Amino acid sequence: MKKNPAVPDYGIYAPYVVRYLSILGAILLIFGLFGVTSRYGPWIQVQHVLGRWMLLGCIIVILEAAYMVWGSKVGNRKERDRVVELLGITGDELALDVGCGRGLILHAIAKRLGSGKAVGMDIWNSRDVSGNNPAVTLENAKLEGVADRIEIVNGDARAMPFADNSFDAVASGLVIHNISGDDDRRRAIREVYRVLKPGGRFAILDFQRTKVYAEEFRKCGAMDVKIHGPHYAMFPPVKIVSGKKAKR
């Protein structure tokens, strides 16, 4: 009997949020059922009403958790493709994925490269993506057939270990919002702009603070800065900030 071929696993975004929502849903279910089935006490009608509201809350948070998992397993592919399209990859670029995680965007970029290379940088925080580990990223690259076109480095988005004007394209997916404080998030945006070559393109996917990102890119002198979305293939809904570095 043939074994099913191994497939890449890109994890779940914000797994702690999914876990908390699932726990909250279970708690609301238990107390909701207790409330609607109560037959004793002076406040039976109140208990029944509260029980119904708790069951409604249970349905809502469980649906949110399920939506997040679906977005991490299915919807994120659509958003990945949007990001890569906005980069305009032709095949010979040197591209960077800031906060590459397990390689969803990184490997999609690499698949469009011929003589080029895709570099993935991360601090490998498992709170951001479940099982976030460079070994997993490399294994996924092998399964995708792009191991020879990627490179993995350790690095902080606020102080990237690259020279000015290094990359033809820079992408990032659901990363910069994880940085604490607007000042540091703006610093990460300036770093994206710094490491881009003149004329290079960027595409930053996130679900919040995208107006701040766009504003900071414009301050840096970026051209054609646009905010795309919201897109509902993921939860919370996401937007993409795109543009290019001004030519000298």
C-alpha atoms as a PDB file:
ATOM      1  CA  MET A   1       0.000   0.000   0.000  1.00  0.00           C
ATOM      2  CA  LYS A   2       1.456   3.352  -1.050  1.00  0.00           C
ATOM      3  CA  LYS A   3       1.994   6.011   1.570  1.00  0.00           C
ATOM      4  CA  ASN A   4       0.551   9.428   0.905  1.00  0.00           C
ATOM      5  CA  PRO A   5       3.347  11.855  -0.041  1.00  0.00           C
ATOM      6  CA  ALA A   6       4.349  14.326   2.629  1.00  0.00           C
ATOM      7  CA  VAL A   7       2.940  17.818   2.155  1.00  0.00           C
ATOM      8  CA  PRO A   8       4.226  21.131   3.529  1.00  0.00           C
ATOM      9  CA  ASP A   9       2.691  22.278   6.806  1.00  0.00           C
ATOM     10  CA  TYR A  10       2.647  26.032   7.354  1.00  0.00           C
ATOM     11  CA  GLY A  11       1.117  25.950  10.824  1.00  0.00           C
ATOM     12  CA  ILE A  12      -1.561  28.128  12.390  1.00  0.00           C
ATOM     13  CA  TYR A  13      -1.258  31.878  12.862  1.00  0.00           C
ATOM     14  CA  ALA A  14      -1.584  33.132  16.460  1.00  0.00           C
ATOM     15  CA  PRO A  15      -2.157  29.628  17.888  1.00  0.00           C
ATOM     16  CA  TYR A  16      -2.557  31.010  21.412  1.00  0.00           C
ATOM     17  CA  VAL A  17      -5.583  33.044  20.256  1.00  0.00           C
ATOM     18  CA  VAL A  18      -7.176  29.941  18.722  1.00  0.00           C
ATOM     19  CA  ARG A  19      -6.493  28.042  21.951  1.00  0.00           C
ATOM     20  CA  TYR A  20      -7.993  30.780  24.151  1.00  0.00           C
ATOM     21  CA  LEU A  21     -11.079  31.046  21.951  1.00  0.00           C
ATOM     22  CA  SER A  22     -11.569  27.265  22.104  1.00  0.00           C
ATOM     23  CA  ILE A  23     -11.248  27.244  25.904  1.00  0.00           C
ATOM     24  CA  LEU A  24     -13.634  30.188  26.224  1.00  0.00           C
ATOM     25  CA  GLY A  25     -16.106  28.417  23.941  1.00  0.00           C
ATOM     26  CA  ALA A  26     -15.992  25.287  26.104  1.00  0.00           C
ATOM     27  CA  ILE A  27     -16.571  27.338  29.274  1.00  0.00           C
ATOM     28  CA  LEU A  28     -19.502  29.194  27.715  1.00  0.00           C
ATOM     29  CA  LEU A  29     -20.972  25.889  26.528  1.00  0.00           C
ATOM     30  CA  ILE A  30     -20.831  24.322  30.005  1.00  0.00           C
ATOM     31  CA  PHE A  31     -22.349  27.317  31.804  1.00  0.00           C
ATOM     32  CA  GLY A  32     -24.831  27.933  28.997  1.00  0.00           C
ATOM     33  CA  LEU A  33     -26.151  24.375  29.189  1.00  0.00           C
ATOM     34  CA  PHE A  34     -26.322  24.645  32.965  1.00  0.00           C
ATOM     35  CA  GLY A  35     -28.326  27.862  32.643  1.00  0.00           C
ATOM     36  CA  VAL A  36     -30.891  26.653  30.088  1.00  0.00           C
ATOM     37  CA  THR A  37     -31.480  23.331  31.856  1.00  0.00           C
ATOM     38  CA  SER A  38     -31.753  24.784  35.371  1.00  0.00           C
ATOM     39  CA  ARG A  39     -34.957  23.749  37.181  1.00  0.00           C
ATOM     40  CA  TYR A  40     -34.278  25.045  40.675  1.00  0.00           C
ATOM     41  CA  GLY A  41     -33.761  28.349  42.417  1.00  0.00           C
ATOM     42  CA  PRO A  42     -35.529  31.712  42.609  1.00  0.00           C
ATOM     43  CA  TRP A  43     -33.961  33.072  39.406  1.00  0.00           C
ATOM     44  CA  ILE A  44     -34.819  30.322  36.919  1.00  0.00           C
ATOM     45  CA  GLN A  45     -35.973  32.708  34.162  1.00  0.00           C
ATOM     46  CA  VAL A  46     -32.832  34.827  34.540  1.00  0.00           C
ATOM     47  CA  GLN A  47     -30.678  31.697  34.430  1.00  0.00           C
ATOM     48  CA  HIS A  48     -32.430  30.569  31.257  1.00  0.00           C
ATOM     49  CA  VAL A  49     -31.866  33.930  29.542  1.00  0.00           C
ATOM     50  CA  LEU A  50     -28.204  34.059  30.622  1.00  0.00           C
ATOM     51  CA  GLY A  51     -27.783  30.461  29.501  1.00  0.00           C
ATOM     52  CA  ARG A  52     -29.078  31.271  26.019  1.00  0.00           C
ATOM     53  CA  TRP A  53     -26.731  34.255  25.741  1.00  0.00           C
ATOM     54  CA  MET A  54     -23.818  32.078  26.827  1.00  0.00           C
ATOM     55  CA  LEU A  55     -24.674  29.464  24.209  1.00  0.00           C
ATOM     56  CA  LEU A  56     -24.823  32.195  21.584  1.00  0.00           C
ATOM     57  CA  GLY A  57     -21.429  33.454  22.760  1.00  0.00           C
ATOM     58  CA  CYS A  58     -20.110  29.881  22.562  1.00  0.00           C
ATOM     59  CA  ILE A  59     -21.192  29.612  18.913  1.00  0.00           C
ATOM     60  CA  ILE A  60     -19.594  32.959  18.064  1.00  0.00           C
ATOM     61  CA  VAL A  61     -16.174  32.263  19.606  1.00  0.00           C
ATOM     62  CA  ILE A  62     -16.012  28.715  18.227  1.00  0.00           C
ATOM     63  CA  LEU A  63     -16.829  30.051  14.753  1.00  0.00           C
ATOM     64  CA  GLU A  64     -14.075  32.655  15.178  1.00  0.00           C
ATOM     65  CA  ALA A  65     -11.580  29.951  16.142  1.00  0.00           C
ATOM     66  CA  ALA A  66     -12.661  27.793  13.190  1.00  0.00           C
ATOM     67  CA  TYR A  67     -12.404  30.810  10.841  1.00  0.00           C
ATOM     68  CA  MET A  68      -8.844  31.471  12.066  1.00  0.00           C
ATOM     69  CA  VAL A  69      -7.835  27.838  11.488  1.00  0.00           C
ATOM     70  CA  TRP A  70      -9.430  27.831   8.035  1.00  0.00           C
ATOM     71  CA  GLY A  71      -7.648  31.074   7.200  1.00  0.00           C
ATOM     72  CA  SER A  72      -4.326  29.570   8.305  1.00  0.00           C
ATOM     73  CA  LYS A  73      -4.812  26.418   6.251  1.00  0.00           C
ATOM     74  CA  VAL A  74      -6.754  27.589   3.180  1.00  0.00           C
ATOM     75  CA  GLY A  75      -7.388  31.322   2.985  1.00  0.00           C
ATOM     76  CA  ASN A  76      -3.755  32.262   3.545  1.00  0.00           C
ATOM     77  CA  ARG A  77      -2.859  30.688   0.178  1.00  0.00           C
ATOM     78  CA  LYS A  78      -5.015  33.265  -1.583  1.00  0.00           C
ATOM     79  CA  GLU A  79      -3.420  36.120   0.350  1.00  0.00           C
ATOM     80  CA  ARG A  80       0.060  34.684  -0.305  1.00  0.00           C
ATOM     81  CA  ASP A  81      -0.637  34.730  -4.026  1.00  0.00           C
ATOM     82  CA  ARG A  82      -1.804  38.355  -3.850  1.00  0.00           C
ATOM     83  CA  VAL A  83       1.420  39.354  -2.077  1.00  0.00           C
ATOM     84  CA  VAL A  84       3.649  37.581  -4.606  1.00  0.00           C
ATOM     85  CA  GLU A  85       1.757  39.079  -7.552  1.00  0.00           C
ATOM     86  CA  LEU A  86       2.274  42.586  -6.158  1.00  0.00           C
ATOM     87  CA  LEU A  87       6.046  41.990  -6.017  1.00  0.00           C
ATOM     88  CA  GLY A  88       6.177  41.452  -9.784  1.00  0.00           C
ATOM     89  CA  ILE A  89       8.753  38.646  -9.584  1.00  0.00           C
ATOM     90  CA  THR A  90      10.334  37.847 -12.969  1.00  0.00           C
ATOM     91  CA  GLY A  91      12.920  35.214 -11.990  1.00  0.00           C
ATOM     92  CA  ASP A  92      16.314  36.754 -11.336  1.00  0.00           C
ATOM     93  CA  GLU A  93      15.544  38.794  -8.215  1.00  0.00           C
ATOM     94  CA  LEU A  94      17.038  38.649  -4.758  1.00  0.00           C
ATOM     95  CA  ALA A  95      13.953  38.732  -2.530  1.00  0.00           C
ATOM     96  CA  LEU A  96      13.419  38.940   1.230  1.00  0.00           C
ATOM     97  CA  ASP A  97      10.559  37.630   3.364  1.00  0.00           C
ATOM     98  CA  VAL A  98      10.553  39.459   6.713  1.00  0.00           C
ATOM     99  CA  GLY A  99       9.259  37.121   9.420  1.00  0.00           C
ATOM    100  CA  CYS A 100       9.094  34.169   7.047  1.00  0.00           C
ATOM    101  CA  GLY A 101       7.873  31.688   9.659  1.00  0.00           C
ATOM    102  CA  ARG A 102       7.448  28.239   8.160  1.00  0.00           C
ATOM    103  CA  GLY A 103       7.885  29.623   4.656  1.00  0.00           C
ATOM    104  CA  LEU A 104       4.444  30.137   3.092  1.00  0.00           C
ATOM    105  CA  ILE A 105       5.332  33.367   1.247  1.00  0.00           C
ATOM    106  CA  LEU A 106       9.057  32.593   1.036  1.00  0.00           C
ATOM    107  CA  HIS A 107       8.530  29.387  -0.894  1.00  0.00           C
ATOM    108  CA  ALA A 108       5.906  30.897  -3.190  1.00  0.00           C
ATOM    109  CA  ILE A 109       8.433  33.576  -4.153  1.00  0.00           C
ATOM    110  CA  ALA A 110      11.146  30.937  -4.645  1.00  0.00           C
ATOM    111  CA  LYS A 111       8.902  28.994  -7.029  1.00  0.00           C
ATOM    112  CA  ARG A 112       8.904  31.995  -9.371  1.00  0.00           C
ATOM    113  CA  LEU A 113      12.674  32.354  -9.351  1.00  0.00           C
ATOM    114  CA  GLY A 114      15.153  30.982 -11.827  1.00  0.00           C
ATOM    115  CA  SER A 115      18.599  32.401 -11.177  1.00  0.00           C
ATOM    116  CA  GLY A 116      17.373  34.448  -8.224  1.00  0.00           C
ATOM    117  CA  LYS A 117      17.217  33.652  -4.506  1.00  0.00           C
ATOM    118  CA  ALA A 118      14.693  34.146  -1.716  1.00  0.00           C
ATOM    119  CA  VAL A 119      15.944  34.944   1.782  1.00  0.00           C
ATOM    120  CA  GLY A 120      13.752  34.239   4.802  1.00  0.00           C
ATOM    121  CA  MET A 121      14.415  36.104   8.043  1.00  0.00           C
ATOM    122  CA  ASP A 122      12.740  35.481  11.408  1.00  0.00           C
ATOM    123  CA  ILE A 123      13.209  35.448  15.175  1.00  0.00           C
ATOM    124  CA  TRP A 124      11.289  32.135  15.279  1.00  0.00           C
ATOM    125  CA  ASN A 125       8.634  32.987  17.862  1.00  0.00           C
ATOM    126  CA  SER A 126       6.104  30.136  18.184  1.00  0.00           C
ATOM    127  CA  ARG A 127       3.458  32.557  19.520  1.00  0.00           C
ATOM    128  CA  ASP A 128       3.249  34.044  16.023  1.00  0.00           C
ATOM    129  CA  VAL A 129       3.025  30.741  14.109  1.00  0.00           C
ATOM    130  CA  SER A 130       2.658  27.277  15.606  1.00  0.00           C
ATOM    131  CA  GLY A 131       5.861  25.220  15.458  1.00  0.00           C
ATOM    132  CA  ASN A 132       7.860  28.182  14.131  1.00  0.00           C
ATOM    133  CA  ASN A 133      11.344  26.747  13.591  1.00  0.00           C
ATOM    134  CA  PRO A 134      13.977  27.148  10.842  1.00  0.00           C
ATOM    135  CA  ALA A 135      14.285  23.362  10.517  1.00  0.00           C
ATOM    136  CA  VAL A 136      10.576  23.187   9.643  1.00  0.00           C
ATOM    137  CA  THR A 137      10.997  25.986   7.101  1.00  0.00           C
ATOM    138  CA  LEU A 138      13.827  24.105   5.416  1.00  0.00           C
ATOM    139  CA  GLU A 139      11.839  20.857   5.428  1.00  0.00           C
ATOM    140  CA  ASN A 140       8.882  22.627   3.812  1.00  0.00           C
ATOM    141  CA  ALA A 141      11.283  24.044   1.211  1.00  0.00           C
ATOM    142  CA  LYS A 142      12.406  20.524   0.344  1.00  0.00           C
ATOM    143  CA  LEU A 143       8.800  19.369   0.011  1.00  0.00           C
ATOM    144  CA  GLU A 144       8.040  22.358  -2.241  1.00  0.00           C
ATOM    145  CA  GLY A 145      11.141  21.655  -4.349  1.00  0.00           C
ATOM    146  CA  VAL A 146      12.763  25.053  -3.699  1.00  0.00           C
ATOM    147  CA  ALA A 147      15.476  24.219  -1.165  1.00  0.00           C
ATOM    148  CA  ASP A 148      18.190  25.305  -3.609  1.00  0.00           C
ATOM    149  CA  ARG A 149      16.594  28.738  -4.072  1.00  0.00           C
ATOM    150  CA  ILE A 150      16.162  29.840  -0.458  1.00  0.00           C
ATOM    151  CA  GLU A 151      18.349  30.926   2.427  1.00  0.00           C
ATOM    152  CA  ILE A 152      17.361  31.233   6.088  1.00  0.00           C
ATOM    153  CA  VAL A 153      18.798  33.838   8.475  1.00  0.00           C
ATOM    154  CA  ASN A 154      18.086  34.961  12.025  1.00  0.00           C
ATOM    155  CA  GLY A 155      17.174  38.596  12.298  1.00  0.00           C
ATOM    156  CA  ASP A 156      14.978  41.261  13.867  1.00  0.00           C
ATOM    157  CA  ALA A 157      12.751  43.322  11.573  1.00  0.00           C
ATOM    158  CA  ARG A 158      13.743  46.464  13.486  1.00  0.00           C
ATOM    159  CA  ALA A 159      17.457  46.028  12.731  1.00  0.00           C
ATOM    160  CA  MET A 160      17.898  43.756   9.717  1.00  0.00           C
ATOM    161  CA  PRO A 161      21.351  42.219   9.177  1.00  0.00           C
ATOM    162  CA  PHE A 162      21.585  43.419   5.573  1.00  0.00           C
ATOM    163  CA  ALA A 163      23.304  46.273   3.771  1.00  0.00           C
ATOM    164  CA  ASP A 164      21.385  49.152   2.222  1.00  0.00           C
ATOM    165  CA  ASN A 165      19.883  48.499  -1.215  1.00  0.00           C
ATOM    166  CA  SER A 166      20.270  44.697  -0.996  1.00  0.00           C
ATOM    167  CA  PHE A 167      16.955  43.310  -2.301  1.00  0.00           C
ATOM    168  CA  ASP A 168      14.843  43.633  -5.420  1.00  0.00           C
ATOM    169  CA  ALA A 169      11.675  42.732  -3.518  1.00  0.00           C
ATOM    170  CA  VAL A 170      10.613  42.552   0.136  1.00  0.00           C
ATOM    171  CA  ALA A 171       7.512  40.820   1.488  1.00  0.00           C
ATOM    172  CA  SER A 172       6.096  40.272   4.949  1.00  0.00           C
ATOM    173  CA  GLY A 173       3.004  38.443   6.156  1.00  0.00           C
ATOM    174  CA  LEU A 174       1.219  39.061   9.477  1.00  0.00           C
ATOM    175  CA  VAL A 175       4.443  40.033  11.214  1.00  0.00           C
ATOM    176  CA  ILE A 176       4.859  43.743  11.866  1.00  0.00           C
ATOM    177  CA  HIS A 177       1.761  44.081  14.069  1.00  0.00           C
ATOM    178  CA  ASN A 178       3.495  41.691  16.501  1.00  0.00           C
ATOM    179  CA  ILE A 179       6.152  44.326  17.193  1.00  0.00           C
ATOM    180  CA  SER A 180       5.310  46.326  20.321  1.00  0.00           C
ATOM    181  CA  GLY A 181       4.826  50.058  19.931  1.00  0.00           C
ATOM    182  CA  ASP A 182       4.237  52.227  16.869  1.00  0.00           C
ATOM    183  CA  ASP A 183       7.786  53.618  17.010  1.00  0.00           C
ATOM    184  CA  ASP A 184       9.291  50.149  16.602  1.00  0.00           C
ATOM    185  CA  ARG A 185       6.762  49.193  13.941  1.00  0.00           C
ATOM    186  CA  ARG A 186       7.688  52.331  12.015  1.00  0.00           C
ATOM    187  CA  ARG A 187      11.339  51.406  12.444  1.00  0.00           C
ATOM    188  CA  ALA A 188      10.631  48.015  10.853  1.00  0.00           C
ATOM    189  CA  ILE A 189       8.966  49.749   7.893  1.00  0.00           C
ATOM    190  CA  ARG A 190      12.004  52.002   7.492  1.00  0.00           C
ATOM    191  CA  GLU A 191      14.193  48.899   7.530  1.00  0.00           C
ATOM    192  CA  VAL A 192      12.142  47.351   4.735  1.00  0.00           C
ATOM    193  CA  TYR A 193      12.679  50.501   2.709  1.00  0.00           C
ATOM    194  CA  ARG A 194      16.385  50.693   3.567  1.00  0.00           C
ATOM    195  CA  VAL A 195      17.234  47.179   2.364  1.00  0.00           C
ATOM    196  CA  LEU A 196      15.261  47.573  -0.893  1.00  0.00           C
ATOM    197  CA  LYS A 197      17.150  48.488  -4.038  1.00  0.00           C
ATOM    198  CA  PRO A 198      15.992  51.637  -5.853  1.00  0.00           C
ATOM    199  CA  GLY A 199      12.971  50.607  -7.898  1.00  0.00           C
ATOM    200  CA  GLY A 200      12.439  47.523  -5.740  1.00  0.00           C
ATOM    201  CA  ARG A 201       8.916  46.536  -4.729  1.00  0.00           C
ATOM    202  CA  PHE A 202       7.396  45.734  -1.329  1.00  0.00           C
ATOM    203  CA  ALA A 203       4.170  44.042  -0.213  1.00  0.00           C
ATOM    204  CA  ILE A 204       3.258  43.954   3.485  1.00  0.00           C
ATOM    205  CA  LEU A 205       0.300  41.796   4.565  1.00  0.00           C
ATOM    206  CA  ASP A 206      -1.318  42.525   7.931  1.00  0.00           C
ATOM    207  CA  PHE A 207      -4.684  42.912   9.646  1.00  0.00           C
ATOM    208  CA  GLN A 208      -4.099  46.156  11.513  1.00  0.00           C
ATOM    209  CA  ARG A 209      -2.096  49.394  11.412  1.00  0.00           C
ATOM    210  CA  THR A 210      -1.745  49.245   7.647  1.00  0.00           C
ATOM    211  CA  LYS A 211      -2.424  53.002   7.423  1.00  0.00           C
ATOM    212  CA  VAL A 212       0.587  53.563   9.693  1.00  0.00           C
ATOM    213  CA  TYR A 213       2.735  51.377   7.424  1.00  0.00           C
ATOM    214  CA  ALA A 214       1.604  53.251   4.316  1.00  0.00           C
ATOM    215  CA  GLU A 215       2.227  56.601   5.990  1.00  0.00           C
ATOM    216  CA  GLU A 216       5.755  55.605   7.006  1.00  0.00           C
ATOM    217  CA  PHE A 217       6.578  54.304   3.520  1.00  0.00           C
ATOM    218  CA  ARG A 218       5.459  57.614   2.057  1.00  0.00           C
ATOM    219  CA  LYS A 219       7.647  59.471   4.559  1.00  0.00           C
ATOM    220  CA  CYS A 220      10.579  57.369   3.364  1.00  0.00           C
ATOM    221  CA  GLY A 221       9.880  58.518  -0.195  1.00  0.00           C
ATOM    222  CA  ALA A 222       8.185  55.366  -1.522  1.00  0.00           C
ATOM    223  CA  MET A 223       6.214  55.613  -4.749  1.00  0.00           C
ATOM    224  CA  ASP A 224       2.831  54.146  -5.749  1.00  0.00           C
ATOM    225  CA  VAL A 225       1.961  53.281  -2.131  1.00  0.00           C
ATOM    226  CA  LYS A 226      -1.427  51.551  -2.017  1.00  0.00           C
ATOM    227  CA  ILE A 227      -3.521  49.695   0.544  1.00  0.00           C
ATOM    228  CA  HIS A 228      -5.353  46.687  -0.919  1.00  0.00           C
ATOM    229  CA  GLY A 229      -8.327  45.182   0.863  1.00  0.00           C
ATOM    230  CA  PRO A 230      -9.795  44.335   3.246  1.00  0.00           C
ATOM    231  CA  HIS A 231      -9.725  40.701   2.135  1.00  0.00           C
ATOM    232  CA  TYR A 232     -11.840  38.153   3.960  1.00  0.00           C
ATOM    233  CA  ALA A 233      -9.987  34.937   3.169  1.00  0.00           C
ATOM    234  CA  MET A 234      -8.485  35.180   6.675  1.00  0.00           C
ATOM    235  CA  PHE A 235      -9.735  36.228  10.086  1.00  0.00           C
ATOM    236  CA  PRO A 236      -9.322  38.948  11.136  1.00  0.00           C
ATOM    237  CA  PRO A 237      -9.647  40.354   7.587  1.00  0.00           C
ATOM    238  CA  VAL A 238      -6.316  41.453   6.116  1.00  0.00           C
ATOM    239  CA  LYS A 239      -4.940  44.245   3.931  1.00  0.00           C
ATOM    240  CA  ILE A 240      -1.774  44.548   1.856  1.00  0.00           C
ATOM    241  CA  VAL A 241       0.403  47.665   1.658  1.00  0.00           C
ATOM    242  CA  SER A 242       2.348  47.746  -1.608  1.00  0.00           C
ATOM    243  CA  GLY A 243       4.623  50.141  -3.447  1.00  0.00           C
ATOM    244  CA  LYS A 244       8.169  50.613  -4.644  1.00  0.00           C
ATOM    245  CA  LYS A 245      11.346  52.396  -3.654  1.00  0.00           C
ATOM    246  CA  ALA A 246      12.054  55.577  -5.517  1.00  0.00           C
ATOM    247  CA  LYS A 247      14.789  55.354  -8.128  1.00  0.00           C
ATOM    248  CA  ARG A 248      17.764  57.594  -7.636  1.00  0.00           C
END
